[in-house]
């Protein structure tokens, strides 16, 4: 019976023995080998119908399914071992596809992030940003000292009108009016 297992199968006799020694059920090595010989080819064929040429690989899924089956404490309640093995393998395949999908989503997000970073750094955008900064600097010089301070406190430091009023003693109406005028100047080209 040593050479009766399919040679193309990835399932090794040592893995069979390893699983059997950790299995405390009533399964015998001969019983597992018979189950394997009887269902390996059909299981792989069924998995190829479900998943095509992969991924996931049909032989890998069949091997994992047999390993899980052999490690079960009690298999006496299983009436249709082939159907049970197929269900285990299909579930393993679905989990594999989910992992692959999550990985692909992550890779796609990284690629998109890198693409955005490249676009942000393209020469045209760099030049446009420098021009915008020069324009803002030029327009900031047009503002009064009070308006520059309001821009600094409101837009840079994020202070509210009440906080600015408390710190400077200026009224909320004056702050609003001066800030509006300052922003209008900054928005001009």
Protein backbone atom coordinates (compact mmCIF):
# COMPACT_ATOMS: atom_id res chain seq x y z
CA UNK A 1 0.00 0.00 0.00
CA UNK A 2 3.04 2.26 0.11
CA UNK A 3 2.85 3.36 -3.51
CA UNK A 4 -0.93 3.37 -3.79
CA UNK A 5 -1.31 7.10 -3.13
CA UNK A 6 -1.37 9.38 -6.19
CA UNK A 7 2.16 10.52 -6.95
CA UNK A 8 1.00 13.99 -8.10
CA UNK A 9 -0.74 14.61 -4.79
CA UNK A 10 0.84 17.05 -2.38
CA UNK A 11 -0.42 15.02 0.54
CA UNK A 12 2.50 13.14 2.07
CA UNK A 13 2.50 9.92 4.02
CA UNK A 14 4.46 11.59 6.80
CA UNK A 15 1.73 14.22 7.11
CA UNK A 16 -0.82 11.43 7.26
CA UNK A 17 1.14 9.70 10.03
CA UNK A 18 1.66 12.98 11.88
CA UNK A 19 -2.04 13.76 11.82
CA UNK A 20 -2.92 10.24 12.88
CA UNK A 21 -0.61 10.32 15.88
CA UNK A 22 -2.20 13.55 17.11
CA UNK A 23 -5.71 12.22 16.49
CA UNK A 24 -7.32 10.44 19.40
CA UNK A 25 -10.35 9.20 17.44
CA UNK A 26 -11.07 5.68 16.35
CA UNK A 27 -9.74 6.36 12.84
CA UNK A 28 -7.07 3.94 11.69
CA UNK A 29 -4.22 4.68 9.36
CA UNK A 30 -5.58 2.19 6.85
CA UNK A 31 -9.03 3.82 7.04
CA UNK A 32 -7.61 7.27 6.40
CA UNK A 33 -5.50 6.02 3.52
CA UNK A 34 -8.56 4.32 1.98
CA UNK A 35 -10.56 7.54 2.40
CA UNK A 36 -7.71 9.49 0.83
CA UNK A 37 -7.31 7.10 -2.10
CA UNK A 38 -11.04 6.97 -2.69
CA UNK A 39 -11.75 10.71 -2.59
CA UNK A 40 -8.52 12.63 -3.38
CA UNK A 41 -8.91 12.78 -7.16
CA UNK A 42 -12.65 13.51 -7.09
CA UNK A 43 -12.21 16.14 -4.40
CA UNK A 44 -9.51 17.90 -6.42
CA UNK A 45 -11.67 17.70 -9.55
CA UNK A 46 -14.66 19.21 -7.71
CA UNK A 47 -12.51 21.99 -6.28
CA UNK A 48 -11.16 22.84 -9.74
CA UNK A 49 -14.77 23.19 -10.91
CA UNK A 50 -15.41 25.64 -8.08
CA UNK A 51 -12.15 27.62 -8.16
CA UNK A 52 -10.76 26.91 -11.61
CA UNK A 53 -6.99 26.75 -11.81
CA UNK A 54 -6.78 28.98 -8.73
CA UNK A 55 -5.92 30.61 -6.63
CA UNK A 56 -6.65 28.91 -4.37
CA UNK A 57 -5.01 25.74 -5.59
CA UNK A 58 -7.34 22.71 -5.55
CA UNK A 59 -4.65 20.31 -4.29
CA UNK A 60 -3.68 22.65 -1.45
CA UNK A 61 -7.31 22.94 -0.37
CA UNK A 62 -7.82 19.17 -0.56
CA UNK A 63 -4.69 18.62 1.53
CA UNK A 64 -5.84 21.10 4.16
CA UNK A 65 -9.30 19.51 4.20
CA UNK A 66 -7.87 16.01 4.77
CA UNK A 67 -5.59 17.35 7.50
CA UNK A 68 -8.52 19.00 9.29
CA UNK A 69 -10.59 15.84 8.89
CA UNK A 70 -7.84 13.66 10.33
CA UNK A 71 -7.36 15.93 13.31
CA UNK A 72 -11.01 15.74 14.26
CA UNK A 73 -11.56 13.98 17.57
CA UNK A 74 -14.59 12.04 16.33
CA UNK A 75 -15.66 11.43 12.76
CA UNK A 76 -18.19 8.68 13.45
CA UNK A 77 -21.11 11.09 12.97
CA UNK A 78 -20.04 11.93 9.41
CA UNK A 79 -22.20 9.98 7.00
CA UNK A 80 -20.74 11.36 3.75
CA UNK A 81 -16.99 11.89 4.18
CA UNK A 82 -16.49 13.15 0.60
CA UNK A 83 -19.21 15.79 0.96
CA UNK A 84 -17.80 16.75 4.35
CA UNK A 85 -14.28 17.05 2.93
CA UNK A 86 -15.60 19.10 0.01
CA UNK A 87 -17.40 21.46 2.39
CA UNK A 88 -14.25 21.89 4.50
CA UNK A 89 -12.19 22.58 1.36
CA UNK A 90 -14.70 25.06 -0.06
CA UNK A 91 -14.79 26.95 3.25
CA UNK A 92 -11.00 27.02 3.32
CA UNK A 93 -11.02 28.32 -0.24
CA UNK A 94 -13.48 31.08 0.63
CA UNK A 95 -11.32 32.14 3.55
CA UNK A 96 -8.31 32.16 1.26
CA UNK A 97 -10.12 34.32 -1.28
CA UNK A 98 -11.22 36.72 1.46
CA UNK A 99 -7.62 37.07 2.67
CA UNK A 100 -6.49 37.58 -0.91
CA UNK A 101 -9.19 40.20 -1.47
CA UNK A 102 -8.20 42.08 1.69
CA UNK A 103 -4.57 41.96 0.62
CA UNK A 104 -5.46 43.22 -2.85
CA UNK A 105 -7.55 46.03 -1.34
CA UNK A 106 -4.59 47.04 0.81
CA UNK A 107 -2.23 46.99 -2.16
CA UNK A 108 -4.71 49.04 -4.23
CA UNK A 109 -4.95 51.63 -1.44
CA UNK A 110 -1.17 51.85 -1.26
CA UNK A 111 -0.94 52.30 -5.01
CA UNK A 112 -3.64 54.99 -4.94
CA UNK A 113 -1.88 56.78 -2.08
CA UNK A 114 1.43 56.70 -3.94
CA UNK A 115 -0.27 57.94 -7.12
CA UNK A 116 -1.79 60.85 -5.19
CA UNK A 117 1.59 61.65 -3.67
CA UNK A 118 3.19 61.72 -7.11
CA UNK A 119 0.39 63.90 -8.48
CA UNK A 120 0.74 66.31 -5.57
CA UNK A 121 4.45 66.63 -6.28
CA UNK A 122 4.22 67.01 -10.03
CA UNK A 123 6.10 70.05 -11.36
CA UNK A 124 2.93 71.89 -12.40
CA UNK A 125 1.47 71.64 -8.90
CA UNK A 126 4.73 72.69 -7.28
CA UNK A 127 4.90 75.76 -9.51
CA UNK A 128 1.23 76.57 -8.88
CA UNK A 129 1.71 76.23 -5.12
CA UNK A 130 4.76 78.50 -5.18
CA UNK A 131 2.83 81.08 -7.18
CA UNK A 132 -0.05 80.90 -4.70
CA UNK A 133 2.36 81.38 -1.77
CA UNK A 134 3.93 84.40 -3.47
CA UNK A 135 0.49 85.84 -4.13
CA UNK A 136 -0.56 85.37 -0.49
CA UNK A 137 2.72 86.90 0.74
CA UNK A 138 2.25 89.89 -1.58
CA UNK A 139 -1.35 90.34 -0.44
CA UNK A 140 -0.38 89.94 3.23
CA UNK A 141 1.90 92.97 2.82
CA UNK A 142 -1.17 94.95 1.68
CA UNK A 143 -2.96 94.27 4.98
CA UNK A 144 -2.83 96.51 8.00
CA UNK A 145 -1.00 95.29 11.09
CA UNK A 146 -4.38 94.66 12.78
CA UNK A 147 -5.64 92.58 9.82
CA UNK A 148 -2.42 90.51 9.73
CA UNK A 149 -2.81 89.78 13.44
CA UNK A 150 -6.44 88.77 12.91
CA UNK A 151 -5.44 86.38 10.11
CA UNK A 152 -2.73 84.91 12.32
CA UNK A 153 -5.03 84.45 15.33
CA UNK A 154 -8.10 83.30 13.41
CA UNK A 155 -6.72 81.19 10.57
CA UNK A 156 -3.34 80.03 11.86
CA UNK A 157 -3.90 79.68 15.61
CA UNK A 158 -7.60 78.83 15.25
CA UNK A 159 -8.81 81.30 17.87
CA UNK A 160 -12.48 82.29 18.06
CA UNK A 161 -13.71 85.85 17.88
CA UNK A 162 -14.30 85.75 21.66
CA UNK A 163 -10.73 84.63 22.33
CA UNK A 164 -9.32 87.29 20.00
CA UNK A 165 -11.52 89.95 21.62
CA UNK A 166 -10.41 88.91 25.09
CA UNK A 167 -6.71 88.97 24.10
CA UNK A 168 -6.80 92.23 22.13
CA UNK A 169 -9.73 94.21 23.51
CA UNK A 170 -11.25 94.60 20.02
CA UNK A 171 -15.02 94.18 19.62
CA UNK A 172 -16.45 91.09 17.89
CA UNK A 173 -18.07 93.33 15.23
CA UNK A 174 -14.73 95.01 14.48
CA UNK A 175 -12.97 91.63 14.34
CA UNK A 176 -15.58 90.30 11.93
CA UNK A 177 -15.43 93.38 9.69
CA UNK A 178 -11.60 93.52 9.62
CA UNK A 179 -11.24 89.76 9.04
CA UNK A 180 -13.73 89.83 6.17
CA UNK A 181 -11.85 92.71 4.53
CA UNK A 182 -8.50 90.93 5.05
CA UNK A 183 -9.75 87.69 3.50
CA UNK A 184 -11.11 89.59 0.50
CA UNK A 185 -7.65 91.10 -0.07
CA UNK A 186 -5.95 87.69 0.27
CA UNK A 187 -8.28 86.07 -2.25
CA UNK A 188 -7.38 88.54 -4.99
CA UNK A 189 -4.73 87.53 -7.50
